[in-house]
Amino acid sequence: MNICKPAAALLLIIAGATAQAASLTLVPSAATVAPGGAFTVNLVLDATSAPGFHPGIFSGQILLDFDNSELTYGGFVASSDVTFYLAPTGATTGNTQTVSFGFVKPGDVGTVGTFSFTALGAPGTLAELGLVDGDDFFGSSFVNNIPTEQRFTPLITGAQVSIVPLPAGLWLLGTAVGALALRRRFRTTAT
C-alpha cells in the first residue's frame, strides 16, 4: 500500500481546514424596512488572508445589482481612507439597476463605504442586493498591491431587504393620537 497519497491528502485537508478566505460583504446582510423607508448598507472588506504583505493596500471592482422597482439608489459614500480608480456609475436595463466602481483601500479589514437606498416595493416584497466581482473575464479584480500585484478572490455576499407595512399597533396609536388632537381642538373652539 502506497502511504504517500493518503498522507498528502491528509496534509491538504489539514491545511484547507485552517485556511480562511478573504471576504467582501454587505452589512447588514438582512434588513427590514417600511415602504418609503430609507436605509443604508455597508460594504465591508476582510482581506486578512489575502496573499502579500499585511497590512496591505487592496484594490478591486464591484458590481451591485438590484430591482429599481423595489429600491431607489441614493448613492455611495466612501470611507475616508478609500479612493476610487473607477468612479461610481449606474446603468439601468429594464428593472435592473447596476452600480459599479473600482476602489483602493489601505488596511486589511474595514468598511469600504456605505450605500444608501429607499424602499419602494409593496409590503411583503423581498428585495435582493446582488454583489459580484467586477471582473468576470480574468477571474478576479481584487489585488493586494504590496509588495507586487497579487490577485485573490474574496467570498462575496449580497444582502436581502424585507419591505413590511407599519405594525398595526402603530396605526392604532396614530389613530388614537389623531382622535385626541381632534377632540382637544373641538373642545377649545366650543369654550
C-alpha atoms as a PDB file:
ATOM      1  CA  MET A   1       0.000   0.000   0.000  1.00  0.00           C
ATOM      2  CA  ASN A   2       1.367   3.387  -1.009  1.00  0.00           C
ATOM      3  CA  ILE A   3       1.250   5.661   2.047  1.00  0.00           C
ATOM      4  CA  CYS A   4       2.295   8.829   0.200  1.00  0.00           C
ATOM      5  CA  LYS A   5      -1.098   9.533  -1.407  1.00  0.00           C
ATOM      6  CA  PRO A   6      -3.179   9.242   1.799  1.00  0.00           C
ATOM      7  CA  ALA A   7      -0.581  11.267   3.717  1.00  0.00           C
ATOM      8  CA  ALA A   8      -0.609  14.007   1.068  1.00  0.00           C
ATOM      9  CA  ALA A   9      -4.414  14.056   1.075  1.00  0.00           C
ATOM     10  CA  LEU A  10      -4.446  14.330   4.868  1.00  0.00           C
ATOM     11  CA  LEU A  11      -1.980  17.240   4.776  1.00  0.00           C
ATOM     12  CA  LEU A  12      -4.145  19.049   2.207  1.00  0.00           C
ATOM     13  CA  ILE A  13      -7.247  18.557   4.346  1.00  0.00           C
ATOM     14  CA  ILE A  14      -5.475  19.905   7.427  1.00  0.00           C
ATOM     15  CA  ALA A  15      -4.103  22.894   5.511  1.00  0.00           C
ATOM     16  CA  GLY A  16      -7.514  23.601   3.992  1.00  0.00           C
ATOM     17  CA  ALA A  17      -9.283  23.394   7.347  1.00  0.00           C
ATOM     18  CA  THR A  18      -7.199  26.208   8.773  1.00  0.00           C
ATOM     19  CA  ALA A  19      -7.392  28.400   5.657  1.00  0.00           C
ATOM     20  CA  GLN A  20      -9.645  31.434   5.681  1.00  0.00           C
ATOM     21  CA  ALA A  21     -10.826  33.183   2.584  1.00  0.00           C
ATOM     22  CA  ALA A  22     -10.885  36.922   2.154  1.00  0.00           C
ATOM     23  CA  SER A  23     -14.432  38.316   2.095  1.00  0.00           C
ATOM     24  CA  LEU A  24     -16.422  41.234   0.758  1.00  0.00           C
ATOM     25  CA  THR A  25     -19.848  41.540   2.363  1.00  0.00           C
ATOM     26  CA  LEU A  26     -22.824  43.834   2.636  1.00  0.00           C
ATOM     27  CA  VAL A  27     -23.638  44.565   6.292  1.00  0.00           C
ATOM     28  CA  PRO A  28     -26.312  44.040   7.464  1.00  0.00           C
ATOM     29  CA  SER A  29     -26.943  41.034   5.235  1.00  0.00           C
ATOM     30  CA  ALA A  30     -30.671  41.224   6.007  1.00  0.00           C
ATOM     31  CA  ALA A  31     -32.825  44.212   6.921  1.00  0.00           C
ATOM     32  CA  THR A  32     -36.486  45.073   7.400  1.00  0.00           C
ATOM     33  CA  VAL A  33     -37.780  48.411   6.120  1.00  0.00           C
ATOM     34  CA  ALA A  34     -41.220  50.036   5.800  1.00  0.00           C
ATOM     35  CA  PRO A  35     -42.359  51.130   2.311  1.00  0.00           C
ATOM     36  CA  GLY A  36     -40.803  54.532   1.601  1.00  0.00           C
ATOM     37  CA  GLY A  37     -38.226  53.979   4.343  1.00  0.00           C
ATOM     38  CA  ALA A  38     -34.577  54.905   3.872  1.00  0.00           C
ATOM     39  CA  PHE A  39     -31.783  52.540   4.896  1.00  0.00           C
ATOM     40  CA  THR A  40     -28.037  52.068   4.471  1.00  0.00           C
ATOM     41  CA  VAL A  41     -25.821  49.063   3.820  1.00  0.00           C
ATOM     42  CA  ASN A  42     -22.049  48.998   4.458  1.00  0.00           C
ATOM     43  CA  LEU A  43     -19.591  47.355   2.063  1.00  0.00           C
ATOM     44  CA  VAL A  44     -17.000  45.620   4.285  1.00  0.00           C
ATOM     45  CA  LEU A  45     -13.694  44.076   3.141  1.00  0.00           C
ATOM     46  CA  ASP A  46     -11.794  41.496   5.205  1.00  0.00           C
ATOM     47  CA  ALA A  47      -8.546  40.687   3.390  1.00  0.00           C
ATOM     48  CA  THR A  48      -6.519  39.310   6.307  1.00  0.00           C
ATOM     49  CA  SER A  49      -5.977  36.038   4.429  1.00  0.00           C
ATOM     50  CA  ALA A  50      -5.164  37.588   1.040  1.00  0.00           C
ATOM     51  CA  PRO A  51      -1.679  36.930  -0.359  1.00  0.00           C
ATOM     52  CA  GLY A  52       1.063  39.536   0.029  1.00  0.00           C
ATOM     53  CA  PHE A  53       2.224  41.697   2.910  1.00  0.00           C
ATOM     54  CA  HIS A  54      -0.074  42.794   5.722  1.00  0.00           C
ATOM     55  CA  PRO A  55      -1.354  45.336   6.294  1.00  0.00           C
ATOM     56  CA  GLY A  56      -1.784  45.637   2.560  1.00  0.00           C
ATOM     57  CA  ILE A  57      -3.255  48.071   0.089  1.00  0.00           C
ATOM     58  CA  PHE A  58      -6.143  46.354  -1.656  1.00  0.00           C
ATOM     59  CA  SER A  59      -7.984  47.239  -4.818  1.00  0.00           C
ATOM     60  CA  GLY A  60     -10.989  45.759  -6.553  1.00  0.00           C
ATOM     61  CA  GLN A  61     -14.001  46.465  -8.699  1.00  0.00           C
ATOM     62  CA  ILE A  62     -17.576  45.582  -7.733  1.00  0.00           C
ATOM     63  CA  LEU A  63     -20.993  45.470  -9.358  1.00  0.00           C
ATOM     64  CA  LEU A  64     -24.138  45.859  -7.245  1.00  0.00           C
ATOM     65  CA  ASP A  65     -27.446  44.829  -8.883  1.00  0.00           C
ATOM     66  CA  PHE A  66     -30.978  45.414  -7.622  1.00  0.00           C
ATOM     67  CA  ASP A  67     -34.541  45.808  -8.905  1.00  0.00           C
ATOM     68  CA  ASN A  68     -35.250  49.527  -9.266  1.00  0.00           C
ATOM     69  CA  SER A  69     -38.995  48.913  -8.934  1.00  0.00           C
ATOM     70  CA  GLU A  70     -38.286  47.782  -5.345  1.00  0.00           C
ATOM     71  CA  LEU A  71     -35.429  50.099  -4.314  1.00  0.00           C
ATOM     72  CA  THR A  72     -34.182  53.571  -5.218  1.00  0.00           C
ATOM     73  CA  TYR A  73     -30.414  54.098  -5.114  1.00  0.00           C
ATOM     74  CA  GLY A  74     -29.413  57.130  -3.040  1.00  0.00           C
ATOM     75  CA  GLY A  75     -25.654  56.971  -3.536  1.00  0.00           C
ATOM     76  CA  PHE A  76     -22.392  55.571  -2.227  1.00  0.00           C
ATOM     77  CA  VAL A  77     -20.176  57.365   0.282  1.00  0.00           C
ATOM     78  CA  ALA A  78     -16.628  56.020   0.515  1.00  0.00           C
ATOM     79  CA  SER A  79     -14.816  55.743   3.838  1.00  0.00           C
ATOM     80  CA  SER A  80     -12.198  58.429   4.470  1.00  0.00           C
ATOM     81  CA  ASP A  81      -9.225  56.190   3.575  1.00  0.00           C
ATOM     82  CA  VAL A  82     -10.742  54.826   0.336  1.00  0.00           C
ATOM     83  CA  THR A  83     -10.078  56.257  -3.128  1.00  0.00           C
ATOM     84  CA  PHE A  84     -11.661  55.373  -6.473  1.00  0.00           C
ATOM     85  CA  TYR A  85      -9.802  54.270  -9.585  1.00  0.00           C
ATOM     86  CA  LEU A  86     -13.184  53.912 -11.331  1.00  0.00           C
ATOM     87  CA  ALA A  87     -15.799  56.420 -10.174  1.00  0.00           C
ATOM     88  CA  PRO A  88     -19.223  55.075  -9.115  1.00  0.00           C
ATOM     89  CA  THR A  89     -21.546  54.831 -12.112  1.00  0.00           C
ATOM     90  CA  GLY A  90     -25.036  53.492 -12.585  1.00  0.00           C
ATOM     91  CA  ALA A  91     -26.707  51.754 -15.507  1.00  0.00           C
ATOM     92  CA  THR A  92     -30.261  50.511 -15.958  1.00  0.00           C
ATOM     93  CA  THR A  93     -31.506  47.615 -18.078  1.00  0.00           C
ATOM     94  CA  GLY A  94     -35.244  47.090 -17.700  1.00  0.00           C
ATOM     95  CA  ASN A  95     -35.947  46.909 -13.962  1.00  0.00           C
ATOM     96  CA  THR A  96     -32.348  46.026 -13.080  1.00  0.00           C
ATOM     97  CA  GLN A  97     -30.093  48.836 -11.941  1.00  0.00           C
ATOM     98  CA  THR A  98     -26.351  48.214 -11.660  1.00  0.00           C
ATOM     99  CA  VAL A  99     -23.920  50.353  -9.684  1.00  0.00           C
ATOM    100  CA  SER A 100     -20.225  49.770 -10.346  1.00  0.00           C
ATOM    101  CA  PHE A 101     -16.936  51.247  -9.161  1.00  0.00           C
ATOM    102  CA  GLY A 102     -13.300  50.398  -8.555  1.00  0.00           C
ATOM    103  CA  PHE A 103     -11.681  51.224  -5.218  1.00  0.00           C
ATOM    104  CA  VAL A 104      -8.335  51.228  -3.431  1.00  0.00           C
ATOM    105  CA  LYS A 105      -8.383  50.600   0.318  1.00  0.00           C
ATOM    106  CA  PRO A 106      -5.442  50.514   2.708  1.00  0.00           C
ATOM    107  CA  GLY A 107      -5.631  48.120   5.645  1.00  0.00           C
ATOM    108  CA  ASP A 108      -6.695  44.504   5.923  1.00  0.00           C
ATOM    109  CA  VAL A 109     -10.159  44.912   7.455  1.00  0.00           C
ATOM    110  CA  GLY A 110     -12.667  47.719   7.303  1.00  0.00           C
ATOM    111  CA  THR A 111     -15.587  49.452   5.677  1.00  0.00           C
ATOM    112  CA  VAL A 112     -15.092  50.456   2.050  1.00  0.00           C
ATOM    113  CA  GLY A 113     -18.151  52.693   2.139  1.00  0.00           C
ATOM    114  CA  THR A 114     -21.903  52.965   2.603  1.00  0.00           C
ATOM    115  CA  PHE A 115     -24.714  52.534   0.074  1.00  0.00           C
ATOM    116  CA  SER A 116     -27.998  54.358   0.710  1.00  0.00           C
ATOM    117  CA  PHE A 117     -31.397  53.252  -0.582  1.00  0.00           C
ATOM    118  CA  THR A 118     -35.117  53.933  -0.232  1.00  0.00           C
ATOM    119  CA  ALA A 119     -37.633  51.068  -0.254  1.00  0.00           C
ATOM    120  CA  LEU A 120     -40.266  51.362  -2.997  1.00  0.00           C
ATOM    121  CA  GLY A 121     -41.750  47.885  -3.145  1.00  0.00           C
ATOM    122  CA  ALA A 122     -45.122  46.820  -1.837  1.00  0.00           C
ATOM    123  CA  PRO A 123     -45.351  45.269   1.632  1.00  0.00           C
ATOM    124  CA  GLY A 124     -44.178  41.669   1.515  1.00  0.00           C
ATOM    125  CA  THR A 125     -41.521  42.346  -1.122  1.00  0.00           C
ATOM    126  CA  LEU A 126     -38.092  40.779  -0.632  1.00  0.00           C
ATOM    127  CA  ALA A 127     -35.534  42.974  -2.426  1.00  0.00           C
ATOM    128  CA  GLU A 128     -32.185  41.400  -3.294  1.00  0.00           C
ATOM    129  CA  LEU A 129     -28.896  43.310  -3.380  1.00  0.00           C
ATOM    130  CA  GLY A 130     -26.626  41.215  -5.592  1.00  0.00           C
ATOM    131  CA  LEU A 131     -22.904  41.869  -5.193  1.00  0.00           C
ATOM    132  CA  VAL A 132     -20.328  40.439  -7.625  1.00  0.00           C
ATOM    133  CA  ASP A 133     -16.717  40.945  -8.668  1.00  0.00           C
ATOM    134  CA  GLY A 134     -16.483  43.491 -11.467  1.00  0.00           C
ATOM    135  CA  ASP A 135     -14.061  41.351 -13.494  1.00  0.00           C
ATOM    136  CA  ASP A 136     -15.694  38.262 -14.933  1.00  0.00           C
ATOM    137  CA  PHE A 137     -13.024  37.821 -17.618  1.00  0.00           C
ATOM    138  CA  PHE A 138      -9.746  37.370 -15.715  1.00  0.00           C
ATOM    139  CA  GLY A 139     -11.352  35.708 -12.695  1.00  0.00           C
ATOM    140  CA  SER A 140     -10.864  38.413 -10.079  1.00  0.00           C
ATOM    141  CA  SER A 141     -10.293  42.145  -9.988  1.00  0.00           C
ATOM    142  CA  PHE A 142      -9.109  42.040  -6.375  1.00  0.00           C
ATOM    143  CA  VAL A 143      -5.409  42.652  -5.810  1.00  0.00           C
ATOM    144  CA  ASN A 144      -3.064  43.175  -2.867  1.00  0.00           C
ATOM    145  CA  ASN A 145      -0.729  45.853  -4.225  1.00  0.00           C
ATOM    146  CA  ILE A 146       2.020  45.227  -1.628  1.00  0.00           C
ATOM    147  CA  PRO A 147       4.714  44.135  -2.494  1.00  0.00           C
ATOM    148  CA  THR A 148       3.503  43.345  -6.033  1.00  0.00           C
ATOM    149  CA  GLU A 149       0.055  42.929  -7.514  1.00  0.00           C
ATOM    150  CA  GLN A 150      -1.113  39.590  -6.133  1.00  0.00           C
ATOM    151  CA  ARG A 151      -4.633  38.587  -7.171  1.00  0.00           C
ATOM    152  CA  PHE A 152      -7.081  36.999  -4.772  1.00  0.00           C
ATOM    153  CA  THR A 153     -10.745  36.039  -4.955  1.00  0.00           C
ATOM    154  CA  PRO A 154     -12.805  37.065  -1.934  1.00  0.00           C
ATOM    155  CA  LEU A 155     -16.018  35.340  -0.899  1.00  0.00           C
ATOM    156  CA  ILE A 156     -18.695  37.868  -1.861  1.00  0.00           C
ATOM    157  CA  THR A 157     -22.027  38.087  -0.046  1.00  0.00           C
ATOM    158  CA  GLY A 158     -25.010  40.247  -1.021  1.00  0.00           C
ATOM    159  CA  ALA A 159     -27.984  41.242   1.132  1.00  0.00           C
ATOM    160  CA  GLN A 160     -31.776  40.983   1.348  1.00  0.00           C
ATOM    161  CA  VAL A 161     -34.236  43.685   2.359  1.00  0.00           C
ATOM    162  CA  SER A 162     -37.774  42.826   3.501  1.00  0.00           C
ATOM    163  CA  ILE A 163     -40.299  45.572   2.868  1.00  0.00           C
ATOM    164  CA  VAL A 164     -43.023  45.327   5.506  1.00  0.00           C
ATOM    165  CA  PRO A 165     -46.004  47.526   6.403  1.00  0.00           C
ATOM    166  CA  LEU A 166     -46.068  49.510   9.600  1.00  0.00           C
ATOM    167  CA  PRO A 167     -47.267  47.363  12.514  1.00  0.00           C
ATOM    168  CA  ALA A 168     -50.989  47.538  13.299  1.00  0.00           C
ATOM    169  CA  GLY A 169     -50.191  48.876  16.770  1.00  0.00           C
ATOM    170  CA  LEU A 170     -48.501  51.904  15.233  1.00  0.00           C
ATOM    171  CA  TRP A 171     -51.565  52.641  13.074  1.00  0.00           C
ATOM    172  CA  LEU A 172     -53.787  52.282  16.157  1.00  0.00           C
ATOM    173  CA  LEU A 173     -51.562  54.643  18.149  1.00  0.00           C
ATOM    174  CA  GLY A 174     -51.624  57.179  15.308  1.00  0.00           C
ATOM    175  CA  THR A 175     -55.425  56.999  15.146  1.00  0.00           C
ATOM    176  CA  ALA A 176     -55.733  57.477  18.919  1.00  0.00           C
ATOM    177  CA  VAL A 177     -53.368  60.469  18.940  1.00  0.00           C
ATOM    178  CA  GLY A 178     -55.257  61.987  15.998  1.00  0.00           C
ATOM    179  CA  ALA A 179     -58.606  61.479  17.759  1.00  0.00           C
ATOM    180  CA  LEU A 180     -57.289  63.108  20.948  1.00  0.00           C
ATOM    181  CA  ALA A 181     -55.948  66.066  18.980  1.00  0.00           C
ATOM    182  CA  LEU A 182     -59.280  66.454  17.180  1.00  0.00           C
ATOM    183  CA  ARG A 183     -61.216  66.223  20.465  1.00  0.00           C
ATOM    184  CA  ARG A 184     -58.975  68.835  22.047  1.00  0.00           C
ATOM    185  CA  ARG A 185     -59.428  71.127  19.055  1.00  0.00           C
ATOM    186  CA  PHE A 186     -63.227  70.887  19.211  1.00  0.00           C
ATOM    187  CA  ARG A 187     -63.173  71.380  22.984  1.00  0.00           C
ATOM    188  CA  THR A 188     -61.137  74.609  22.738  1.00  0.00           C
ATOM    189  CA  THR A 189     -63.369  76.049  19.973  1.00  0.00           C
ATOM    190  CA  ALA A 190     -66.533  75.261  21.976  1.00  0.00           C
ATOM    191  CA  THR A 191     -65.328  77.140  25.042  1.00  0.00           C
END
